[in-house]
Amino acid sequence: MENKHVIMIVEDEDAIIEFISVKLELQGYRILKAVNGKEAISFASSHCPDLILLDLGLPDMDGMEVLKSIRSWSMVPVIIISARHEDKFIVTALDSGADDYITKPFNNAILVARIRTALRRGHISKIKNSKVNHPFRFGDLYIDYDRRIVTVAGETVHLTPIEYRIIVLLSINAGTVLTHEFLCRELWGPYVNKSKALRVNVANLRRKIEKDTSNPQYIITEMGVGYRLLEDIDRLQ
């Protein structure tokens, strides 16, 4: 089973959020729902969605403030869905970091196409930034970034979204020690201390990919510093 993309819908109208949820679940996406700005900012850091659909007219704060807050630490693709159709709102949103802007009412097929495009651009950007353009393989561990599939000895490993992001971060930096601070910042943003959550997720990840967690073959703990994913050169030492 593939690790499905997680899409967070930020919308306060039940009918709209349910309509979009049903359509996107049929397309194979996992859905996360936030009904106000505070939830959206909190969920963006705690659940790390792959894409955000953001309404501007939220009950507790303007969607533009949500966008700016998330953009201060994350490059997750954000598509604005709003009834504000004037050019000034569209230009401001795009200049503030939105990846796309769709006005209500919208065509569902167009929405899905825009989502695919934004996810593809986000993926390409990550790959370019990481200088990786091929699957990762070390020993029996195999990661297909395009298909979001992780296998060990040919068997698919089912990961949570956070576990998948951890293994991706470690693999694109294989051989390099990633500090606790770096990993927490990349996973949850700069404003929360999630070191305990990081340890729990790494422990869970190890149970899924390691034969013996007391003698790991892949993820090494650098005491007091962070974690390192081994690479081929480690076998030669």
C-alpha atoms as a PDB file:
ATOM      1  CA  MET A   1       0.000   0.000   0.000  1.00  0.00           C
ATOM      2  CA  GLU A   2       1.317   3.454  -0.879  1.00  0.00           C
ATOM      3  CA  ASN A   3       1.719   6.186   1.717  1.00  0.00           C
ATOM      4  CA  LYS A   4      -1.132   8.422   0.619  1.00  0.00           C
ATOM      5  CA  HIS A   5      -0.785  12.171   0.309  1.00  0.00           C
ATOM      6  CA  VAL A   6      -2.439  14.009   3.193  1.00  0.00           C
ATOM      7  CA  ILE A   7      -4.477  17.077   2.231  1.00  0.00           C
ATOM      8  CA  MET A   8      -5.659  19.490   4.910  1.00  0.00           C
ATOM      9  CA  ILE A   9      -8.901  21.313   4.121  1.00  0.00           C
ATOM     10  CA  VAL A  10      -9.295  24.585   6.023  1.00  0.00           C
ATOM     11  CA  GLU A  11     -12.933  25.557   5.722  1.00  0.00           C
ATOM     12  CA  ASP A  12     -15.676  26.494   8.195  1.00  0.00           C
ATOM     13  CA  GLU A  13     -18.692  25.528   6.065  1.00  0.00           C
ATOM     14  CA  ASP A  14     -19.627  21.894   6.736  1.00  0.00           C
ATOM     15  CA  ALA A  15     -21.251  21.318   3.357  1.00  0.00           C
ATOM     16  CA  ILE A  16     -18.183  22.486   1.439  1.00  0.00           C
ATOM     17  CA  ILE A  17     -15.683  20.625   3.570  1.00  0.00           C
ATOM     18  CA  GLU A  18     -17.666  17.373   3.266  1.00  0.00           C
ATOM     19  CA  PHE A  19     -18.113  17.805  -0.482  1.00  0.00           C
ATOM     20  CA  ILE A  20     -14.383  18.327  -1.050  1.00  0.00           C
ATOM     21  CA  SER A  21     -13.484  15.512   1.354  1.00  0.00           C
ATOM     22  CA  VAL A  22     -15.615  12.954  -0.461  1.00  0.00           C
ATOM     23  CA  LYS A  23     -14.268  13.942  -3.863  1.00  0.00           C
ATOM     24  CA  LEU A  24     -10.631  13.829  -2.771  1.00  0.00           C
ATOM     25  CA  GLU A  25     -10.966  10.564  -0.838  1.00  0.00           C
ATOM     26  CA  LEU A  26     -12.276   9.002  -4.040  1.00  0.00           C
ATOM     27  CA  GLN A  27      -9.045  10.173  -5.687  1.00  0.00           C
ATOM     28  CA  GLY A  28      -7.003   8.310  -3.071  1.00  0.00           C
ATOM     29  CA  TYR A  29      -6.032  11.194  -0.780  1.00  0.00           C
ATOM     30  CA  ARG A  30      -6.163  11.189   3.013  1.00  0.00           C
ATOM     31  CA  ILE A  31      -8.089  14.143   4.408  1.00  0.00           C
ATOM     32  CA  LEU A  32      -7.401  16.327   7.432  1.00  0.00           C
ATOM     33  CA  LYS A  33     -10.018  18.918   8.393  1.00  0.00           C
ATOM     34  CA  ALA A  34      -9.557  22.256  10.147  1.00  0.00           C
ATOM     35  CA  VAL A  35     -12.530  24.544  10.753  1.00  0.00           C
ATOM     36  CA  ASN A  36     -10.692  27.721  11.793  1.00  0.00           C
ATOM     37  CA  GLY A  37      -7.338  29.448  11.515  1.00  0.00           C
ATOM     38  CA  LYS A  38      -5.924  28.342  14.850  1.00  0.00           C
ATOM     39  CA  GLU A  39      -6.650  24.697  14.061  1.00  0.00           C
ATOM     40  CA  ALA A  40      -5.072  25.113  10.637  1.00  0.00           C
ATOM     41  CA  ILE A  41      -1.811  26.496  12.043  1.00  0.00           C
ATOM     42  CA  SER A  42      -1.715  23.853  14.770  1.00  0.00           C
ATOM     43  CA  PHE A  43      -2.507  20.941  12.422  1.00  0.00           C
ATOM     44  CA  ALA A  44       0.009  22.162   9.847  1.00  0.00           C
ATOM     45  CA  SER A  45       2.802  21.638  12.367  1.00  0.00           C
ATOM     46  CA  SER A  46       1.448  18.571  14.167  1.00  0.00           C
ATOM     47  CA  HIS A  47       0.212  16.568  11.145  1.00  0.00           C
ATOM     48  CA  CYS A  48       2.514  17.873   8.384  1.00  0.00           C
ATOM     49  CA  PRO A  49       0.033  17.649   5.469  1.00  0.00           C
ATOM     50  CA  ASP A  50       1.382  17.369   1.930  1.00  0.00           C
ATOM     51  CA  LEU A  51      -0.932  20.133   0.665  1.00  0.00           C
ATOM     52  CA  ILE A  52      -3.334  22.672   2.185  1.00  0.00           C
ATOM     53  CA  LEU A  53      -6.626  23.913   0.723  1.00  0.00           C
ATOM     54  CA  LEU A  54      -7.222  27.204   2.503  1.00  0.00           C
ATOM     55  CA  ASP A  55     -10.361  29.320   2.639  1.00  0.00           C
ATOM     56  CA  LEU A  56      -9.766  33.011   3.356  1.00  0.00           C
ATOM     57  CA  GLY A  57     -13.026  33.702   5.201  1.00  0.00           C
ATOM     58  CA  LEU A  58     -12.419  31.875   8.482  1.00  0.00           C
ATOM     59  CA  PRO A  59     -14.356  32.632  11.687  1.00  0.00           C
ATOM     60  CA  ASP A  60     -11.443  33.424  14.000  1.00  0.00           C
ATOM     61  CA  MET A  61      -8.838  34.983  11.708  1.00  0.00           C
ATOM     62  CA  ASP A  62      -8.302  35.877   8.092  1.00  0.00           C
ATOM     63  CA  GLY A  63      -6.955  33.101   5.902  1.00  0.00           C
ATOM     64  CA  MET A  64      -4.154  35.411   4.756  1.00  0.00           C
ATOM     65  CA  GLU A  65      -2.811  35.441   8.314  1.00  0.00           C
ATOM     66  CA  VAL A  66      -2.905  31.645   8.328  1.00  0.00           C
ATOM     67  CA  LEU A  67      -0.999  31.587   5.037  1.00  0.00           C
ATOM     68  CA  LYS A  68       1.679  33.983   6.308  1.00  0.00           C
ATOM     69  CA  SER A  69       2.073  32.040   9.544  1.00  0.00           C
ATOM     70  CA  ILE A  70       2.564  28.723   7.750  1.00  0.00           C
ATOM     71  CA  ARG A  71       4.842  30.290   5.137  1.00  0.00           C
ATOM     72  CA  SER A  72       7.143  31.595   7.880  1.00  0.00           C
ATOM     73  CA  TRP A  73       8.433  28.055   8.386  1.00  0.00           C
ATOM     74  CA  SER A  74       6.992  25.714   5.752  1.00  0.00           C
ATOM     75  CA  MET A  75       6.959  25.451   1.966  1.00  0.00           C
ATOM     76  CA  VAL A  76       4.015  23.014   1.919  1.00  0.00           C
ATOM     77  CA  PRO A  77       1.903  23.695  -1.204  1.00  0.00           C
ATOM     78  CA  VAL A  78      -1.093  25.929  -0.381  1.00  0.00           C
ATOM     79  CA  ILE A  79      -4.072  26.423  -2.698  1.00  0.00           C
ATOM     80  CA  ILE A  80      -6.472  29.219  -1.780  1.00  0.00           C
ATOM     81  CA  ILE A  81     -10.170  28.469  -2.299  1.00  0.00           C
ATOM     82  CA  SER A  82     -12.164  31.642  -1.783  1.00  0.00           C
ATOM     83  CA  ALA A  83     -15.276  33.559  -2.729  1.00  0.00           C
ATOM     84  CA  ARG A  84     -13.087  36.662  -3.036  1.00  0.00           C
ATOM     85  CA  HIS A  85     -12.666  36.916  -6.776  1.00  0.00           C
ATOM     86  CA  GLU A  86     -11.210  40.411  -7.126  1.00  0.00           C
ATOM     87  CA  ASP A  87      -7.749  40.576  -8.665  1.00  0.00           C
ATOM     88  CA  LYS A  88      -6.265  42.364  -5.646  1.00  0.00           C
ATOM     89  CA  PHE A  89      -7.014  39.386  -3.367  1.00  0.00           C
ATOM     90  CA  ILE A  90      -5.593  36.889  -5.855  1.00  0.00           C
ATOM     91  CA  VAL A  91      -2.404  38.928  -6.377  1.00  0.00           C
ATOM     92  CA  THR A  92      -1.915  39.438  -2.642  1.00  0.00           C
ATOM     93  CA  ALA A  93      -2.364  35.731  -1.907  1.00  0.00           C
ATOM     94  CA  LEU A  94       0.092  34.669  -4.610  1.00  0.00           C
ATOM     95  CA  ASP A  95       2.610  37.299  -3.527  1.00  0.00           C
ATOM     96  CA  SER A  96       2.276  36.016   0.050  1.00  0.00           C
ATOM     97  CA  GLY A  97       3.245  32.490  -0.901  1.00  0.00           C
ATOM     98  CA  ALA A  98       0.097  30.730  -2.115  1.00  0.00           C
ATOM     99  CA  ASP A  99       0.811  28.242  -4.888  1.00  0.00           C
ATOM    100  CA  ASP A 100      -2.555  28.647  -6.574  1.00  0.00           C
ATOM    101  CA  TYR A 101      -5.901  30.431  -6.194  1.00  0.00           C
ATOM    102  CA  ILE A 102      -9.336  29.039  -7.054  1.00  0.00           C
ATOM    103  CA  THR A 103     -12.513  31.065  -6.748  1.00  0.00           C
ATOM    104  CA  LYS A 104     -15.849  29.707  -5.528  1.00  0.00           C
ATOM    105  CA  PRO A 105     -17.878  28.147  -6.993  1.00  0.00           C
ATOM    106  CA  PHE A 106     -15.282  25.848  -8.495  1.00  0.00           C
ATOM    107  CA  ASN A 107     -15.213  22.905 -10.853  1.00  0.00           C
ATOM    108  CA  ASN A 108     -14.262  19.750  -8.995  1.00  0.00           C
ATOM    109  CA  ALA A 109     -12.224  18.330 -11.878  1.00  0.00           C
ATOM    110  CA  ILE A 110     -10.214  21.558 -12.059  1.00  0.00           C
ATOM    111  CA  LEU A 111      -9.630  21.468  -8.302  1.00  0.00           C
ATOM    112  CA  VAL A 112      -8.268  17.916  -8.510  1.00  0.00           C
ATOM    113  CA  ALA A 113      -6.045  18.852 -11.461  1.00  0.00           C
ATOM    114  CA  ARG A 114      -4.679  21.884  -9.585  1.00  0.00           C
ATOM    115  CA  ILE A 115      -3.951  19.662  -6.568  1.00  0.00           C
ATOM    116  CA  ARG A 116      -2.032  17.173  -8.705  1.00  0.00           C
ATOM    117  CA  THR A 117      -0.017  20.013 -10.223  1.00  0.00           C
ATOM    118  CA  ALA A 118       0.795  21.590  -6.850  1.00  0.00           C
ATOM    119  CA  LEU A 119       1.837  18.236  -5.377  1.00  0.00           C
ATOM    120  CA  ARG A 120       4.011  17.519  -8.409  1.00  0.00           C
ATOM    121  CA  ARG A 121       5.697  20.931  -8.177  1.00  0.00           C
ATOM    122  CA  GLY A 122       6.242  20.463  -4.447  1.00  0.00           C
ATOM    123  CA  HIS A 123       7.769  17.052  -5.037  1.00  0.00           C
ATOM    124  CA  ILE A 124      10.058  18.315  -7.819  1.00  0.00           C
ATOM    125  CA  SER A 125      11.159  21.205  -5.621  1.00  0.00           C
ATOM    126  CA  LYS A 126      12.033  18.851  -2.779  1.00  0.00           C
ATOM    127  CA  ILE A 127      13.945  16.582  -5.107  1.00  0.00           C
ATOM    128  CA  LYS A 128      15.872  19.492  -6.621  1.00  0.00           C
ATOM    129  CA  ASN A 129      16.646  20.882  -3.196  1.00  0.00           C
ATOM    130  CA  SER A 130      17.796  17.498  -1.980  1.00  0.00           C
ATOM    131  CA  LYS A 131      19.778  16.796  -5.181  1.00  0.00           C
ATOM    132  CA  VAL A 132      18.088  13.401  -5.355  1.00  0.00           C
ATOM    133  CA  ASN A 133      16.395  12.148  -8.496  1.00  0.00           C
ATOM    134  CA  HIS A 134      16.271   8.407  -7.974  1.00  0.00           C
ATOM    135  CA  PRO A 135      15.012   5.944  -5.384  1.00  0.00           C
ATOM    136  CA  PHE A 136      17.065   5.331  -2.248  1.00  0.00           C
ATOM    137  CA  ARG A 137      18.440   1.881  -1.584  1.00  0.00           C
ATOM    138  CA  PHE A 138      20.611   0.619   1.252  1.00  0.00           C
ATOM    139  CA  GLY A 139      20.713  -3.050   2.131  1.00  0.00           C
ATOM    140  CA  ASP A 140      17.137  -4.300   2.106  1.00  0.00           C
ATOM    141  CA  LEU A 141      15.727  -0.800   2.612  1.00  0.00           C
ATOM    142  CA  TYR A 142      14.210   0.761  -0.516  1.00  0.00           C
ATOM    143  CA  ILE A 143      12.420   4.119  -0.829  1.00  0.00           C
ATOM    144  CA  ASP A 144      10.569   5.156  -3.980  1.00  0.00           C
ATOM    145  CA  TYR A 145       9.986   8.903  -3.552  1.00  0.00           C
ATOM    146  CA  ASP A 146       7.752   9.217  -6.604  1.00  0.00           C
ATOM    147  CA  ARG A 147       5.394   6.476  -5.461  1.00  0.00           C
ATOM    148  CA  ARG A 148       5.887   7.178  -1.721  1.00  0.00           C
ATOM    149  CA  ILE A 149       6.593   3.513  -1.116  1.00  0.00           C
ATOM    150  CA  VAL A 150       8.999   2.123   1.474  1.00  0.00           C
ATOM    151  CA  THR A 151       9.946  -1.551   1.411  1.00  0.00           C
ATOM    152  CA  VAL A 152      12.268  -3.778   3.417  1.00  0.00           C
ATOM    153  CA  ALA A 153      13.374  -6.995   1.725  1.00  0.00           C
ATOM    154  CA  GLY A 154      10.613  -6.447  -0.825  1.00  0.00           C
ATOM    155  CA  GLU A 155       7.864  -6.130   1.777  1.00  0.00           C
ATOM    156  CA  THR A 156       5.913  -2.862   1.879  1.00  0.00           C
ATOM    157  CA  VAL A 157       6.263  -0.943   5.139  1.00  0.00           C
ATOM    158  CA  HIS A 158       3.172   0.985   6.243  1.00  0.00           C
ATOM    159  CA  LEU A 159       4.221   4.297   7.746  1.00  0.00           C
ATOM    160  CA  THR A 160       2.364   7.201   9.274  1.00  0.00           C
ATOM    161  CA  PRO A 161       2.846  10.570   7.513  1.00  0.00           C
ATOM    162  CA  ILE A 162       5.336  11.687  10.184  1.00  0.00           C
ATOM    163  CA  GLU A 163       7.289   8.418  10.004  1.00  0.00           C
ATOM    164  CA  TYR A 164       7.443   8.733   6.212  1.00  0.00           C
ATOM    165  CA  ARG A 165       8.770  12.283   6.422  1.00  0.00           C
ATOM    166  CA  ILE A 166      11.415  11.194   8.930  1.00  0.00           C
ATOM    167  CA  ILE A 167      12.695   8.390   6.706  1.00  0.00           C
ATOM    168  CA  VAL A 168      12.707  10.746   3.699  1.00  0.00           C
ATOM    169  CA  LEU A 169      14.658  13.424   5.593  1.00  0.00           C
ATOM    170  CA  LEU A 170      17.165  10.858   6.824  1.00  0.00           C
ATOM    171  CA  SER A 171      17.542   9.159   3.436  1.00  0.00           C
ATOM    172  CA  ILE A 172      18.116  12.303   1.367  1.00  0.00           C
ATOM    173  CA  ASN A 173      20.797  13.195   3.913  1.00  0.00           C
ATOM    174  CA  ALA A 174      22.110   9.630   4.319  1.00  0.00           C
ATOM    175  CA  GLY A 175      25.451   9.490   6.093  1.00  0.00           C
ATOM    176  CA  THR A 176      24.887  12.881   7.724  1.00  0.00           C
ATOM    177  CA  VAL A 177      23.870  13.354  11.333  1.00  0.00           C
ATOM    178  CA  LEU A 178      20.600  15.263  11.546  1.00  0.00           C
ATOM    179  CA  THR A 179      20.207  16.968  14.892  1.00  0.00           C
ATOM    180  CA  HIS A 180      17.082  16.735  17.012  1.00  0.00           C
ATOM    181  CA  GLU A 181      16.541  20.461  16.495  1.00  0.00           C
ATOM    182  CA  PHE A 182      16.822  20.186  12.712  1.00  0.00           C
ATOM    183  CA  LEU A 183      14.411  17.272  12.490  1.00  0.00           C
ATOM    184  CA  CYS A 184      11.848  18.912  14.802  1.00  0.00           C
ATOM    185  CA  ARG A 185      12.016  22.150  12.836  1.00  0.00           C
ATOM    186  CA  GLU A 186      11.589  20.367   9.495  1.00  0.00           C
ATOM    187  CA  LEU A 187       8.723  18.215  10.764  1.00  0.00           C
ATOM    188  CA  TRP A 188       6.757  20.553  13.004  1.00  0.00           C
ATOM    189  CA  GLY A 189       8.104  24.046  12.476  1.00  0.00           C
ATOM    190  CA  PRO A 190      10.197  26.304  14.702  1.00  0.00           C
ATOM    191  CA  TYR A 191       7.628  27.169  17.330  1.00  0.00           C
ATOM    192  CA  VAL A 192       7.016  23.901  19.158  1.00  0.00           C
ATOM    193  CA  ASN A 193       9.219  21.536  21.152  1.00  0.00           C
ATOM    194  CA  LYS A 194       8.510  18.051  19.847  1.00  0.00           C
ATOM    195  CA  SER A 195      11.674  16.243  20.915  1.00  0.00           C
ATOM    196  CA  LYS A 196       9.664  13.615  22.824  1.00  0.00           C
ATOM    197  CA  ALA A 197       7.371  13.096  19.818  1.00  0.00           C
ATOM    198  CA  LEU A 198      10.450  12.745  17.603  1.00  0.00           C
ATOM    199  CA  ARG A 199      11.877   9.983  19.819  1.00  0.00           C
ATOM    200  CA  VAL A 200       8.545   8.150  19.818  1.00  0.00           C
ATOM    201  CA  ASN A 201       8.195   8.355  16.031  1.00  0.00           C
ATOM    202  CA  VAL A 202      11.782   7.240  15.411  1.00  0.00           C
ATOM    203  CA  ALA A 203      11.240   4.306  17.797  1.00  0.00           C
ATOM    204  CA  ASN A 204       8.086   3.333  15.917  1.00  0.00           C
ATOM    205  CA  LEU A 205       9.887   3.699  12.591  1.00  0.00           C
ATOM    206  CA  ARG A 206      12.694   1.440  13.782  1.00  0.00           C
ATOM    207  CA  ARG A 207      10.234  -1.242  14.851  1.00  0.00           C
ATOM    208  CA  LYS A 208       8.900  -1.241  11.291  1.00  0.00           C
ATOM    209  CA  ILE A 209      12.196  -1.335   9.357  1.00  0.00           C
ATOM    210  CA  GLU A 210      14.820  -2.850  11.664  1.00  0.00           C
ATOM    211  CA  LYS A 211      15.243  -6.584  12.318  1.00  0.00           C
ATOM    212  CA  ASP A 212      16.689  -5.855  15.772  1.00  0.00           C
ATOM    213  CA  THR A 213      15.997  -2.405  17.210  1.00  0.00           C
ATOM    214  CA  SER A 214      18.744  -2.906  19.827  1.00  0.00           C
ATOM    215  CA  ASN A 215      21.255  -3.369  16.992  1.00  0.00           C
ATOM    216  CA  PRO A 216      19.922  -1.166  14.177  1.00  0.00           C
ATOM    217  CA  GLN A 217      21.124  -1.644  10.596  1.00  0.00           C
ATOM    218  CA  TYR A 218      19.715   1.601   9.229  1.00  0.00           C
ATOM    219  CA  ILE A 219      19.004   4.388  11.731  1.00  0.00           C
ATOM    220  CA  ILE A 220      21.868   5.104  14.117  1.00  0.00           C
ATOM    221  CA  THR A 221      21.464   7.245  17.226  1.00  0.00           C
ATOM    222  CA  GLU A 222      24.189   9.818  17.757  1.00  0.00           C
ATOM    223  CA  MET A 223      23.884  10.265  21.501  1.00  0.00           C
ATOM    224  CA  GLY A 224      22.843  13.738  22.548  1.00  0.00           C
ATOM    225  CA  VAL A 225      22.922  14.975  18.944  1.00  0.00           C
ATOM    226  CA  GLY A 226      20.428  13.268  16.642  1.00  0.00           C
ATOM    227  CA  TYR A 227      20.072  10.460  14.119  1.00  0.00           C
ATOM    228  CA  ARG A 228      21.918   9.254  11.042  1.00  0.00           C
ATOM    229  CA  LEU A 229      20.800   6.897   8.297  1.00  0.00           C
ATOM    230  CA  LEU A 230      23.637   4.667   7.182  1.00  0.00           C
ATOM    231  CA  GLU A 231      24.742   4.579   3.556  1.00  0.00           C
ATOM    232  CA  ASP A 232      26.828   2.187   1.464  1.00  0.00           C
ATOM    233  CA  ILE A 233      30.138   3.724   2.518  1.00  0.00           C
ATOM    234  CA  ASP A 234      29.396   2.715   6.131  1.00  0.00           C
ATOM    235  CA  ARG A 235      29.601  -0.924   5.106  1.00  0.00           C
ATOM    236  CA  LEU A 236      33.185  -0.453   3.985  1.00  0.00           C
ATOM    237  CA  GLN A 237      34.330   0.769   7.389  1.00  0.00           C
END
